Amino acid sequence: MQAEGHGAGAAPSPWVTRWAHLAPPGCQVLDLACGAGRHLRYFAALGHPVLGVDRDEIALASLARLPELQGRAQFLSADIENEAWPLAGQQFGLVVVTNYLWRPLLPAIVAAVAPGGVLLYETFAMGHERVGRPSRPDFLLQPGELLSACATLRVIGYEDGTVDQPLRVIQRIAAVRQPESSSGTLGWPLAKEASAAG
């Protein structure tokens, strides 16, 4: 896995924290290619049960020993690039993927979002090869690729371009799956800025 590459003390992605309020209260969170677990820890602190999936068994064992994750986190060691998708048929209220791309998994990742659930995805895009690694096209999203992958979801936020601190070229999306309820109310909270102003 091309996991997130951030150390144990790294802060969660600002994109993830910006849209975290979209997650249904108390829903189960899937952190795919969870690496050192920065998003597992963040969502566990918000009261969510979390599932971390990664192929790095040592990293998962270290996370399992953290007191703040005791009783709130589950871990699954899986080589999702070379083995069958281990979460077939399972859906989550929030799916988080950062700094990871394996194209054959994009349909399975989108399918793992439950009705009323959220996908927060952020990873490197074409153009990043000019500023750092990864530089192989296999690990860089093509223009609009993340939007296309999320065609069955409602896009709430999307960015494609250069960001700094550190300098990266990325695509990132916040998208939700339509709830099964036919009430006509989508049920997702307003963006933080809008709700504060309201």
N, C-alpha and C. Protein backbone atom coordinates (compact mmCIF):
# COMPACT_ATOMS: atom_id res chain seq x y z
N MET A 1 0.83 -1.20 0.00
CA MET A 1 0.00 0.00 0.00
C MET A 1 0.86 1.24 0.00
N GLN A 2 0.43 2.21 -0.73
CA GLN A 2 1.06 3.51 -0.68
C GLN A 2 0.33 4.28 0.41
N ALA A 3 0.64 3.97 1.66
CA ALA A 3 -0.09 4.51 2.80
C ALA A 3 0.25 5.97 3.01
N GLU A 4 -0.39 6.57 4.01
CA GLU A 4 -0.35 8.01 4.14
C GLU A 4 1.02 8.59 4.44
N GLY A 5 1.93 7.83 5.03
CA GLY A 5 3.28 8.31 5.21
C GLY A 5 3.42 9.41 6.23
N HIS A 6 2.51 9.50 7.17
CA HIS A 6 2.60 10.50 8.23
C HIS A 6 2.85 9.78 9.54
N GLY A 7 3.70 10.37 10.38
CA GLY A 7 4.06 9.74 11.63
C GLY A 7 2.92 9.71 12.62
N ALA A 8 3.20 9.01 13.73
CA ALA A 8 2.16 8.79 14.74
C ALA A 8 1.63 10.10 15.32
N GLY A 9 2.45 11.15 15.35
CA GLY A 9 1.99 12.41 15.93
C GLY A 9 1.40 13.37 14.94
N ALA A 10 1.23 12.95 13.68
CA ALA A 10 0.75 13.86 12.64
C ALA A 10 -0.71 14.25 12.89
N ALA A 11 -1.01 15.49 12.53
CA ALA A 11 -2.39 15.99 12.65
C ALA A 11 -3.23 15.41 11.52
N PRO A 12 -4.53 15.31 11.73
CA PRO A 12 -5.39 14.86 10.64
C PRO A 12 -5.40 15.86 9.50
N SER A 13 -5.75 15.39 8.33
CA SER A 13 -5.83 16.25 7.16
C SER A 13 -6.84 17.36 7.38
N PRO A 14 -6.50 18.60 7.05
CA PRO A 14 -7.48 19.69 7.15
C PRO A 14 -8.73 19.43 6.31
N TRP A 15 -8.59 18.74 5.17
CA TRP A 15 -9.76 18.41 4.36
C TRP A 15 -10.69 17.49 5.13
N VAL A 16 -10.13 16.51 5.82
CA VAL A 16 -10.94 15.56 6.59
C VAL A 16 -11.63 16.28 7.75
N THR A 17 -10.90 17.11 8.47
CA THR A 17 -11.53 17.79 9.62
C THR A 17 -12.56 18.80 9.15
N ARG A 18 -12.35 19.40 7.98
CA ARG A 18 -13.32 20.38 7.46
C ARG A 18 -14.68 19.75 7.22
N TRP A 19 -14.70 18.51 6.74
CA TRP A 19 -15.95 17.86 6.37
C TRP A 19 -16.39 16.78 7.35
N ALA A 20 -15.69 16.62 8.44
CA ALA A 20 -16.01 15.56 9.41
C ALA A 20 -17.43 15.68 9.94
N HIS A 21 -17.97 16.89 9.99
CA HIS A 21 -19.32 17.09 10.53
C HIS A 21 -20.39 16.44 9.66
N LEU A 22 -20.06 16.05 8.43
CA LEU A 22 -21.03 15.38 7.58
C LEU A 22 -21.30 13.94 8.02
N ALA A 23 -20.39 13.36 8.78
CA ALA A 23 -20.56 11.97 9.20
C ALA A 23 -21.77 11.83 10.11
N PRO A 24 -22.64 10.85 9.87
CA PRO A 24 -23.77 10.64 10.77
C PRO A 24 -23.26 10.40 12.20
N PRO A 25 -23.94 10.96 13.20
CA PRO A 25 -23.47 10.82 14.59
C PRO A 25 -23.29 9.35 14.98
N GLY A 26 -22.12 9.05 15.54
CA GLY A 26 -21.86 7.71 16.04
C GLY A 26 -21.66 6.64 15.00
N CYS A 27 -21.60 7.02 13.70
CA CYS A 27 -21.46 6.01 12.65
C CYS A 27 -20.08 5.36 12.70
N GLN A 28 -19.99 4.18 12.11
CA GLN A 28 -18.70 3.51 12.02
C GLN A 28 -17.89 4.14 10.89
N VAL A 29 -16.60 4.36 11.18
CA VAL A 29 -15.69 5.01 10.24
C VAL A 29 -14.69 3.96 9.74
N LEU A 30 -14.54 3.89 8.42
CA LEU A 30 -13.51 3.07 7.80
C LEU A 30 -12.37 3.98 7.38
N ASP A 31 -11.18 3.71 7.89
CA ASP A 31 -9.97 4.42 7.47
C ASP A 31 -9.14 3.44 6.66
N LEU A 32 -9.14 3.62 5.35
CA LEU A 32 -8.48 2.69 4.44
C LEU A 32 -7.04 3.13 4.21
N ALA A 33 -6.11 2.18 4.29
CA ALA A 33 -4.67 2.48 4.25
C ALA A 33 -4.35 3.47 5.37
N CYS A 34 -4.72 3.06 6.58
CA CYS A 34 -4.73 3.97 7.73
C CYS A 34 -3.34 4.38 8.21
N GLY A 35 -2.29 3.66 7.82
CA GLY A 35 -0.95 4.06 8.20
C GLY A 35 -0.79 4.19 9.70
N ALA A 36 -0.30 5.35 10.14
CA ALA A 36 -0.06 5.59 11.56
C ALA A 36 -1.32 5.94 12.34
N GLY A 37 -2.46 6.03 11.65
CA GLY A 37 -3.73 6.14 12.36
C GLY A 37 -4.16 7.53 12.77
N ARG A 38 -3.69 8.55 12.07
CA ARG A 38 -4.07 9.91 12.50
C ARG A 38 -5.58 10.14 12.40
N HIS A 39 -6.23 9.56 11.40
CA HIS A 39 -7.68 9.75 11.29
C HIS A 39 -8.45 8.79 12.19
N LEU A 40 -7.91 7.62 12.44
CA LEU A 40 -8.53 6.73 13.43
C LEU A 40 -8.63 7.42 14.77
N ARG A 41 -7.53 8.02 15.19
CA ARG A 41 -7.50 8.68 16.49
C ARG A 41 -8.46 9.88 16.52
N TYR A 42 -8.49 10.63 15.42
CA TYR A 42 -9.35 11.81 15.35
C TYR A 42 -10.82 11.42 15.49
N PHE A 43 -11.27 10.43 14.72
CA PHE A 43 -12.68 10.07 14.76
C PHE A 43 -13.05 9.30 16.03
N ALA A 44 -12.13 8.54 16.56
CA ALA A 44 -12.40 7.89 17.84
C ALA A 44 -12.61 8.94 18.93
N ALA A 45 -11.83 10.02 18.88
CA ALA A 45 -11.99 11.09 19.87
C ALA A 45 -13.33 11.80 19.71
N LEU A 46 -13.91 11.75 18.51
CA LEU A 46 -15.23 12.34 18.28
C LEU A 46 -16.37 11.39 18.64
N GLY A 47 -16.02 10.18 19.09
CA GLY A 47 -17.04 9.24 19.53
C GLY A 47 -17.45 8.19 18.53
N HIS A 48 -16.70 8.07 17.44
CA HIS A 48 -17.05 7.09 16.42
C HIS A 48 -16.31 5.77 16.64
N PRO A 49 -16.97 4.64 16.42
CA PRO A 49 -16.22 3.38 16.30
C PRO A 49 -15.47 3.41 14.98
N VAL A 50 -14.24 2.91 14.98
CA VAL A 50 -13.39 3.02 13.81
C VAL A 50 -12.82 1.66 13.42
N LEU A 51 -12.63 1.49 12.11
CA LEU A 51 -11.97 0.31 11.57
C LEU A 51 -10.81 0.78 10.72
N GLY A 52 -9.61 0.36 11.09
CA GLY A 52 -8.42 0.70 10.33
C GLY A 52 -7.96 -0.49 9.51
N VAL A 53 -7.75 -0.27 8.23
CA VAL A 53 -7.28 -1.32 7.33
C VAL A 53 -5.94 -0.89 6.74
N ASP A 54 -4.97 -1.79 6.83
CA ASP A 54 -3.65 -1.53 6.27
C ASP A 54 -2.94 -2.86 6.15
N ARG A 55 -1.92 -2.91 5.30
CA ARG A 55 -1.16 -4.16 5.20
C ARG A 55 -0.01 -4.22 6.20
N ASP A 56 0.28 -3.10 6.87
CA ASP A 56 1.39 -3.02 7.81
C ASP A 56 0.93 -3.53 9.18
N GLU A 57 1.21 -4.80 9.45
CA GLU A 57 0.76 -5.41 10.71
C GLU A 57 1.42 -4.77 11.92
N ILE A 58 2.66 -4.32 11.77
CA ILE A 58 3.36 -3.69 12.91
C ILE A 58 2.68 -2.37 13.27
N ALA A 59 2.34 -1.58 12.25
CA ALA A 59 1.65 -0.31 12.51
C ALA A 59 0.30 -0.55 13.17
N LEU A 60 -0.43 -1.55 12.70
CA LEU A 60 -1.74 -1.85 13.29
C LEU A 60 -1.60 -2.32 14.73
N ALA A 61 -0.58 -3.12 15.02
CA ALA A 61 -0.36 -3.59 16.39
C ALA A 61 -0.04 -2.43 17.31
N SER A 62 0.72 -1.46 16.81
CA SER A 62 1.03 -0.27 17.62
C SER A 62 -0.23 0.53 17.91
N LEU A 63 -1.08 0.67 16.90
CA LEU A 63 -2.34 1.39 17.10
C LEU A 63 -3.24 0.68 18.10
N ALA A 64 -3.28 -0.63 18.03
CA ALA A 64 -4.16 -1.40 18.91
C ALA A 64 -3.78 -1.23 20.38
N ARG A 65 -2.54 -0.83 20.64
CA ARG A 65 -2.10 -0.64 22.03
C ARG A 65 -2.39 0.76 22.57
N LEU A 66 -2.85 1.67 21.73
CA LEU A 66 -3.09 3.04 22.18
C LEU A 66 -4.31 3.09 23.10
N PRO A 67 -4.18 3.68 24.28
CA PRO A 67 -5.30 3.73 25.21
C PRO A 67 -6.54 4.40 24.64
N GLU A 68 -6.36 5.45 23.82
CA GLU A 68 -7.51 6.18 23.31
C GLU A 68 -8.31 5.39 22.27
N LEU A 69 -7.74 4.29 21.79
CA LEU A 69 -8.45 3.46 20.82
C LEU A 69 -9.03 2.19 21.43
N GLN A 70 -8.72 1.95 22.70
CA GLN A 70 -9.21 0.74 23.36
C GLN A 70 -10.74 0.74 23.38
N GLY A 71 -11.32 -0.36 22.94
CA GLY A 71 -12.77 -0.50 22.96
C GLY A 71 -13.50 0.29 21.89
N ARG A 72 -12.77 1.04 21.08
CA ARG A 72 -13.41 1.87 20.07
C ARG A 72 -12.94 1.53 18.66
N ALA A 73 -11.80 0.82 18.55
CA ALA A 73 -11.20 0.57 17.25
C ALA A 73 -11.05 -0.92 16.97
N GLN A 74 -11.21 -1.24 15.70
CA GLN A 74 -10.90 -2.57 15.19
C GLN A 74 -9.87 -2.40 14.09
N PHE A 75 -9.13 -3.47 13.83
CA PHE A 75 -8.05 -3.38 12.85
C PHE A 75 -8.08 -4.61 11.96
N LEU A 76 -7.78 -4.39 10.69
CA LEU A 76 -7.76 -5.47 9.73
C LEU A 76 -6.50 -5.35 8.90
N SER A 77 -5.63 -6.35 9.02
CA SER A 77 -4.43 -6.40 8.19
C SER A 77 -4.79 -7.09 6.88
N ALA A 78 -4.62 -6.37 5.77
CA ALA A 78 -4.99 -6.93 4.48
C ALA A 78 -4.17 -6.27 3.38
N ASP A 79 -3.75 -7.08 2.43
CA ASP A 79 -3.07 -6.58 1.24
C ASP A 79 -4.14 -6.38 0.17
N ILE A 80 -4.77 -5.23 0.22
CA ILE A 80 -5.96 -5.00 -0.61
C ILE A 80 -5.61 -4.82 -2.09
N GLU A 81 -4.34 -4.73 -2.41
CA GLU A 81 -3.96 -4.61 -3.82
C GLU A 81 -3.75 -5.97 -4.48
N ASN A 82 -3.51 -7.00 -3.68
CA ASN A 82 -3.18 -8.31 -4.22
C ASN A 82 -4.11 -9.42 -3.75
N GLU A 83 -5.05 -9.10 -2.89
CA GLU A 83 -5.98 -10.09 -2.38
C GLU A 83 -7.41 -9.60 -2.63
N ALA A 84 -8.36 -10.48 -2.42
CA ALA A 84 -9.77 -10.10 -2.60
C ALA A 84 -10.13 -8.98 -1.63
N TRP A 85 -11.02 -8.09 -2.06
CA TRP A 85 -11.50 -7.00 -1.21
C TRP A 85 -12.11 -7.59 0.06
N PRO A 86 -11.55 -7.30 1.22
CA PRO A 86 -11.97 -7.97 2.45
C PRO A 86 -13.27 -7.44 3.06
N LEU A 87 -13.82 -6.37 2.51
CA LEU A 87 -15.00 -5.73 3.10
C LEU A 87 -16.22 -5.85 2.19
N ALA A 88 -16.23 -6.86 1.34
CA ALA A 88 -17.34 -7.04 0.40
C ALA A 88 -18.66 -7.10 1.15
N GLY A 89 -19.62 -6.30 0.70
CA GLY A 89 -20.94 -6.28 1.31
C GLY A 89 -21.06 -5.41 2.54
N GLN A 90 -19.96 -4.88 3.04
CA GLN A 90 -20.00 -4.02 4.22
C GLN A 90 -20.06 -2.55 3.79
N GLN A 91 -20.80 -1.76 4.57
CA GLN A 91 -20.89 -0.33 4.32
C GLN A 91 -20.66 0.44 5.61
N PHE A 92 -20.22 1.67 5.46
CA PHE A 92 -19.81 2.49 6.59
C PHE A 92 -20.41 3.89 6.47
N GLY A 93 -20.65 4.50 7.62
CA GLY A 93 -21.18 5.85 7.62
C GLY A 93 -20.18 6.87 7.13
N LEU A 94 -18.90 6.55 7.26
CA LEU A 94 -17.85 7.43 6.76
C LEU A 94 -16.69 6.58 6.28
N VAL A 95 -16.23 6.84 5.07
CA VAL A 95 -15.05 6.19 4.52
C VAL A 95 -14.01 7.28 4.28
N VAL A 96 -12.82 7.08 4.85
CA VAL A 96 -11.74 8.06 4.75
C VAL A 96 -10.56 7.40 4.02
N VAL A 97 -10.07 8.08 2.99
CA VAL A 97 -8.88 7.62 2.27
C VAL A 97 -8.01 8.84 2.02
N THR A 98 -6.76 8.78 2.48
CA THR A 98 -5.85 9.90 2.22
C THR A 98 -4.50 9.36 1.75
N ASN A 99 -3.95 10.05 0.77
CA ASN A 99 -2.62 9.74 0.23
C ASN A 99 -2.48 8.28 -0.18
N TYR A 100 -3.51 7.76 -0.83
CA TYR A 100 -3.49 6.37 -1.28
C TYR A 100 -4.32 6.25 -2.55
N LEU A 101 -3.79 5.53 -3.52
CA LEU A 101 -4.52 5.29 -4.76
C LEU A 101 -4.18 3.91 -5.29
N TRP A 102 -5.20 3.11 -5.47
CA TRP A 102 -5.11 1.86 -6.22
C TRP A 102 -6.39 1.78 -7.03
N ARG A 103 -6.29 2.16 -8.30
CA ARG A 103 -7.47 2.37 -9.14
C ARG A 103 -8.48 1.22 -9.14
N PRO A 104 -8.02 -0.04 -9.18
CA PRO A 104 -9.02 -1.12 -9.21
C PRO A 104 -9.96 -1.11 -8.00
N LEU A 105 -9.56 -0.44 -6.91
CA LEU A 105 -10.38 -0.43 -5.69
C LEU A 105 -11.39 0.72 -5.66
N LEU A 106 -11.30 1.66 -6.58
CA LEU A 106 -12.20 2.82 -6.50
C LEU A 106 -13.67 2.43 -6.47
N PRO A 107 -14.14 1.50 -7.31
CA PRO A 107 -15.56 1.12 -7.21
C PRO A 107 -15.92 0.50 -5.86
N ALA A 108 -15.04 -0.32 -5.30
CA ALA A 108 -15.31 -0.94 -4.00
C ALA A 108 -15.33 0.10 -2.89
N ILE A 109 -14.45 1.09 -2.98
CA ILE A 109 -14.42 2.15 -1.97
C ILE A 109 -15.72 2.94 -2.00
N VAL A 110 -16.16 3.32 -3.18
CA VAL A 110 -17.42 4.07 -3.30
C VAL A 110 -18.59 3.22 -2.82
N ALA A 111 -18.59 1.93 -3.17
CA ALA A 111 -19.68 1.04 -2.75
C ALA A 111 -19.71 0.84 -1.24
N ALA A 112 -18.60 1.10 -0.56
CA ALA A 112 -18.54 0.92 0.90
C ALA A 112 -19.21 2.06 1.66
N VAL A 113 -19.65 3.10 0.96
CA VAL A 113 -20.33 4.23 1.60
C VAL A 113 -21.81 3.86 1.77
N ALA A 114 -22.27 3.85 3.00
CA ALA A 114 -23.66 3.49 3.30
C ALA A 114 -24.62 4.59 2.85
N PRO A 115 -25.90 4.27 2.64
CA PRO A 115 -26.89 5.31 2.38
C PRO A 115 -26.86 6.36 3.50
N GLY A 116 -26.78 7.61 3.12
CA GLY A 116 -26.64 8.69 4.10
C GLY A 116 -25.22 8.89 4.57
N GLY A 117 -24.29 8.05 4.09
CA GLY A 117 -22.90 8.10 4.51
C GLY A 117 -22.06 9.02 3.64
N VAL A 118 -20.79 9.12 4.01
CA VAL A 118 -19.89 10.12 3.44
C VAL A 118 -18.59 9.46 2.99
N LEU A 119 -18.05 9.95 1.90
CA LEU A 119 -16.70 9.60 1.46
C LEU A 119 -15.84 10.85 1.52
N LEU A 120 -14.72 10.77 2.23
CA LEU A 120 -13.72 11.82 2.25
C LEU A 120 -12.45 11.23 1.67
N TYR A 121 -12.06 11.70 0.50
CA TYR A 121 -10.94 11.12 -0.22
C TYR A 121 -10.01 12.25 -0.64
N GLU A 122 -8.71 12.06 -0.39
CA GLU A 122 -7.71 13.06 -0.75
C GLU A 122 -6.43 12.34 -1.13
N THR A 123 -5.94 12.57 -2.34
CA THR A 123 -4.68 11.96 -2.73
C THR A 123 -4.02 12.76 -3.85
N PHE A 124 -2.87 12.29 -4.25
CA PHE A 124 -2.04 13.02 -5.19
C PHE A 124 -2.61 12.96 -6.61
N ALA A 125 -2.34 14.02 -7.37
CA ALA A 125 -2.86 14.14 -8.73
C ALA A 125 -1.74 14.47 -9.71
N MET A 126 -2.06 14.31 -10.99
CA MET A 126 -1.09 14.65 -12.03
C MET A 126 -0.59 16.08 -11.82
N GLY A 127 0.70 16.23 -12.00
CA GLY A 127 1.36 17.50 -11.71
C GLY A 127 2.22 17.40 -10.47
N HIS A 128 1.86 16.45 -9.57
CA HIS A 128 2.65 16.29 -8.36
C HIS A 128 4.06 15.78 -8.67
N GLU A 129 4.21 15.10 -9.80
CA GLU A 129 5.54 14.57 -10.17
C GLU A 129 6.56 15.70 -10.31
N ARG A 130 6.09 16.93 -10.50
CA ARG A 130 7.01 18.07 -10.63
C ARG A 130 7.51 18.57 -9.28
N VAL A 131 6.84 18.18 -8.19
CA VAL A 131 7.22 18.73 -6.88
C VAL A 131 7.66 17.66 -5.89
N GLY A 132 7.44 16.38 -6.19
CA GLY A 132 7.87 15.36 -5.24
C GLY A 132 7.29 14.00 -5.56
N ARG A 133 7.40 13.12 -4.60
CA ARG A 133 6.88 11.76 -4.75
C ARG A 133 5.52 11.66 -4.08
N PRO A 134 4.64 10.77 -4.59
CA PRO A 134 4.88 9.87 -5.71
C PRO A 134 4.93 10.60 -7.05
N SER A 135 5.65 10.00 -7.99
CA SER A 135 5.77 10.60 -9.31
C SER A 135 5.30 9.68 -10.42
N ARG A 136 5.04 8.42 -10.10
CA ARG A 136 4.56 7.48 -11.12
C ARG A 136 3.08 7.72 -11.41
N PRO A 137 2.70 7.71 -12.67
CA PRO A 137 1.29 7.93 -13.03
C PRO A 137 0.33 6.97 -12.34
N ASP A 138 0.81 5.77 -12.00
CA ASP A 138 -0.04 4.79 -11.31
C ASP A 138 -0.61 5.35 -10.01
N PHE A 139 0.12 6.27 -9.40
CA PHE A 139 -0.27 6.78 -8.09
C PHE A 139 -0.75 8.23 -8.13
N LEU A 140 -1.04 8.72 -9.33
CA LEU A 140 -1.48 10.11 -9.49
C LEU A 140 -2.81 10.13 -10.23
N LEU A 141 -3.80 10.77 -9.65
CA LEU A 141 -5.11 10.87 -10.29
C LEU A 141 -5.05 11.73 -11.55
N GLN A 142 -5.77 11.30 -12.55
CA GLN A 142 -5.92 12.08 -13.77
C GLN A 142 -6.92 13.22 -13.51
N PRO A 143 -6.90 14.27 -14.33
CA PRO A 143 -7.87 15.36 -14.13
C PRO A 143 -9.31 14.84 -14.11
N GLY A 144 -10.04 15.20 -13.06
CA GLY A 144 -11.44 14.81 -12.93
C GLY A 144 -11.68 13.37 -12.56
N GLU A 145 -10.62 12.59 -12.34
CA GLU A 145 -10.80 11.15 -12.10
C GLU A 145 -11.59 10.87 -10.82
N LEU A 146 -11.32 11.63 -9.79
CA LEU A 146 -12.04 11.39 -8.53
C LEU A 146 -13.51 11.74 -8.67
N LEU A 147 -13.82 12.79 -9.42
CA LEU A 147 -15.22 13.13 -9.69
C LEU A 147 -15.92 11.99 -10.44
N SER A 148 -15.25 11.45 -11.43
CA SER A 148 -15.84 10.35 -12.20
C SER A 148 -16.07 9.12 -11.32
N ALA A 149 -15.12 8.83 -10.45
CA ALA A 149 -15.25 7.66 -9.57
C ALA A 149 -16.43 7.80 -8.63
N CYS A 150 -16.80 9.03 -8.29
CA CYS A 150 -17.88 9.30 -7.34
C CYS A 150 -19.18 9.68 -8.03
N ALA A 151 -19.36 9.23 -9.27
CA ALA A 151 -20.53 9.64 -10.05
C ALA A 151 -21.85 9.23 -9.42
N THR A 152 -21.85 8.19 -8.59
CA THR A 152 -23.10 7.75 -7.95
C THR A 152 -23.35 8.46 -6.62
N LEU A 153 -22.47 9.35 -6.23
CA LEU A 153 -22.60 10.08 -4.97
C LEU A 153 -22.89 11.55 -5.26
N ARG A 154 -23.39 12.24 -4.25
CA ARG A 154 -23.59 13.69 -4.37
C ARG A 154 -22.35 14.39 -3.86
N VAL A 155 -21.72 15.17 -4.72
CA VAL A 155 -20.49 15.86 -4.35
C VAL A 155 -20.83 17.12 -3.55
N ILE A 156 -20.26 17.21 -2.37
CA ILE A 156 -20.46 18.36 -1.49
C ILE A 156 -19.29 19.34 -1.62
N GLY A 157 -18.09 18.80 -1.76
CA GLY A 157 -16.90 19.64 -1.93
C GLY A 157 -15.88 18.91 -2.78
N TYR A 158 -15.16 19.67 -3.61
CA TYR A 158 -14.16 19.07 -4.49
C TYR A 158 -13.10 20.11 -4.79
N GLU A 159 -11.85 19.68 -4.76
CA GLU A 159 -10.74 20.54 -5.14
C GLU A 159 -9.74 19.75 -5.96
N ASP A 160 -9.12 20.40 -6.91
CA ASP A 160 -8.11 19.79 -7.77
C ASP A 160 -7.07 20.85 -8.05
N GLY A 161 -5.88 20.69 -7.47
CA GLY A 161 -4.86 21.70 -7.71
C GLY A 161 -3.73 21.63 -6.72
N THR A 162 -3.01 22.71 -6.62
CA THR A 162 -1.81 22.78 -5.79
C THR A 162 -2.13 23.35 -4.42
N VAL A 163 -1.61 22.72 -3.40
CA VAL A 163 -1.69 23.24 -2.04
C VAL A 163 -0.28 23.28 -1.47
N ASP A 164 -0.11 24.09 -0.42
CA ASP A 164 1.22 24.15 0.18
C ASP A 164 1.18 23.67 1.62
N GLN A 165 2.36 23.65 2.23
CA GLN A 165 2.53 23.23 3.63
C GLN A 165 2.05 21.80 3.88
N PRO A 166 2.65 20.81 3.29
CA PRO A 166 3.73 20.86 2.29
C PRO A 166 3.17 21.02 0.88
N LEU A 167 4.05 21.42 -0.04
CA LEU A 167 3.65 21.61 -1.43
C LEU A 167 3.24 20.28 -2.04
N ARG A 168 2.00 20.22 -2.55
CA ARG A 168 1.47 19.00 -3.16
C ARG A 168 0.50 19.39 -4.27
N VAL A 169 0.32 18.49 -5.21
CA VAL A 169 -0.75 18.61 -6.20
C VAL A 169 -1.72 17.48 -5.90
N ILE A 170 -2.96 17.83 -5.59
CA ILE A 170 -3.90 16.83 -5.09
C ILE A 170 -5.29 17.00 -5.69
N GLN A 171 -6.06 15.94 -5.56
CA GLN A 171 -7.51 16.02 -5.72
C GLN A 171 -8.10 15.58 -4.40
N ARG A 172 -9.20 16.20 -4.04
CA ARG A 172 -9.89 15.79 -2.81
C ARG A 172 -11.38 16.04 -2.97
N ILE A 173 -12.13 15.14 -2.36
CA ILE A 173 -13.57 15.18 -2.53
C ILE A 173 -14.27 14.86 -1.22
N ALA A 174 -15.39 15.50 -1.01
CA ALA A 174 -16.33 15.14 0.05
C ALA A 174 -17.64 14.85 -0.65
N ALA A 175 -18.10 13.61 -0.55
CA ALA A 175 -19.29 13.20 -1.28
C ALA A 175 -20.16 12.33 -0.39
N VAL A 176 -21.45 12.37 -0.62
CA VAL A 176 -22.41 11.64 0.22
C VAL A 176 -23.30 10.77 -0.65
N ARG A 177 -23.74 9.66 -0.07
CA ARG A 177 -24.70 8.80 -0.75
C ARG A 177 -26.10 9.17 -0.30
N GLN A 178 -26.99 9.34 -1.28
CA GLN A 178 -28.37 9.71 -0.98
C GLN A 178 -28.97 8.75 0.06
N PRO A 179 -29.57 9.27 1.12
CA PRO A 179 -30.23 8.39 2.09
C PRO A 179 -31.39 7.65 1.44
N GLU A 180 -31.73 6.49 1.98
CA GLU A 180 -32.83 5.71 1.43
C GLU A 180 -34.19 6.31 1.75
N SER A 181 -34.24 7.18 2.78
CA SER A 181 -35.49 7.82 3.16
C SER A 181 -36.01 8.67 2.01
N SER A 182 -37.31 8.65 1.81
CA SER A 182 -37.91 9.46 0.74
C SER A 182 -38.53 10.73 1.30
N SER A 183 -38.05 11.17 2.45
CA SER A 183 -38.64 12.33 3.12
C SER A 183 -38.39 13.63 2.36
N GLY A 184 -37.45 13.62 1.42
CA GLY A 184 -37.12 14.84 0.70
C GLY A 184 -36.07 15.67 1.41
N THR A 185 -35.72 15.30 2.64
CA THR A 185 -34.68 16.00 3.38
C THR A 185 -33.40 15.22 3.27
N LEU A 186 -32.36 15.86 2.81
CA LEU A 186 -31.11 15.15 2.64
C LEU A 186 -30.52 14.76 3.99
N GLY A 187 -30.66 15.62 4.98
CA GLY A 187 -30.23 15.24 6.31
C GLY A 187 -28.78 15.53 6.62
N TRP A 188 -28.02 16.12 5.67
CA TRP A 188 -26.63 16.41 5.97
C TRP A 188 -26.53 17.81 6.56
N PRO A 189 -25.67 17.98 7.56
CA PRO A 189 -25.52 19.32 8.15
C PRO A 189 -24.95 20.29 7.12
N LEU A 190 -25.22 21.55 7.35
CA LEU A 190 -24.62 22.58 6.52
C LEU A 190 -23.13 22.63 6.78
N ALA A 191 -22.41 23.24 5.86
CA ALA A 191 -20.99 23.46 6.07
C ALA A 191 -20.81 24.27 7.35
N LYS A 192 -19.67 24.11 7.99
CA LYS A 192 -19.42 24.79 9.26
C LYS A 192 -19.66 26.29 9.16
N GLU A 193 -19.13 26.89 8.08
CA GLU A 193 -19.25 28.33 7.93
C GLU A 193 -20.72 28.75 7.84
N ALA A 194 -21.50 28.01 7.05
CA ALA A 194 -22.90 28.36 6.86
C ALA A 194 -23.71 28.15 8.14
N SER A 195 -23.45 27.06 8.84
CA SER A 195 -24.23 26.79 10.04
C SER A 195 -23.90 27.79 11.13
N ALA A 196 -22.64 28.26 11.15
CA ALA A 196 -22.28 29.25 12.16
C ALA A 196 -22.96 30.58 11.87
N ALA A 197 -23.14 30.87 10.56
CA ALA A 197 -23.74 32.15 10.20
C ALA A 197 -25.25 32.13 10.35
N GLY A 198 -25.82 30.91 10.33
CA GLY A 198 -27.28 30.80 10.34
C GLY A 198 -27.85 31.03 11.69
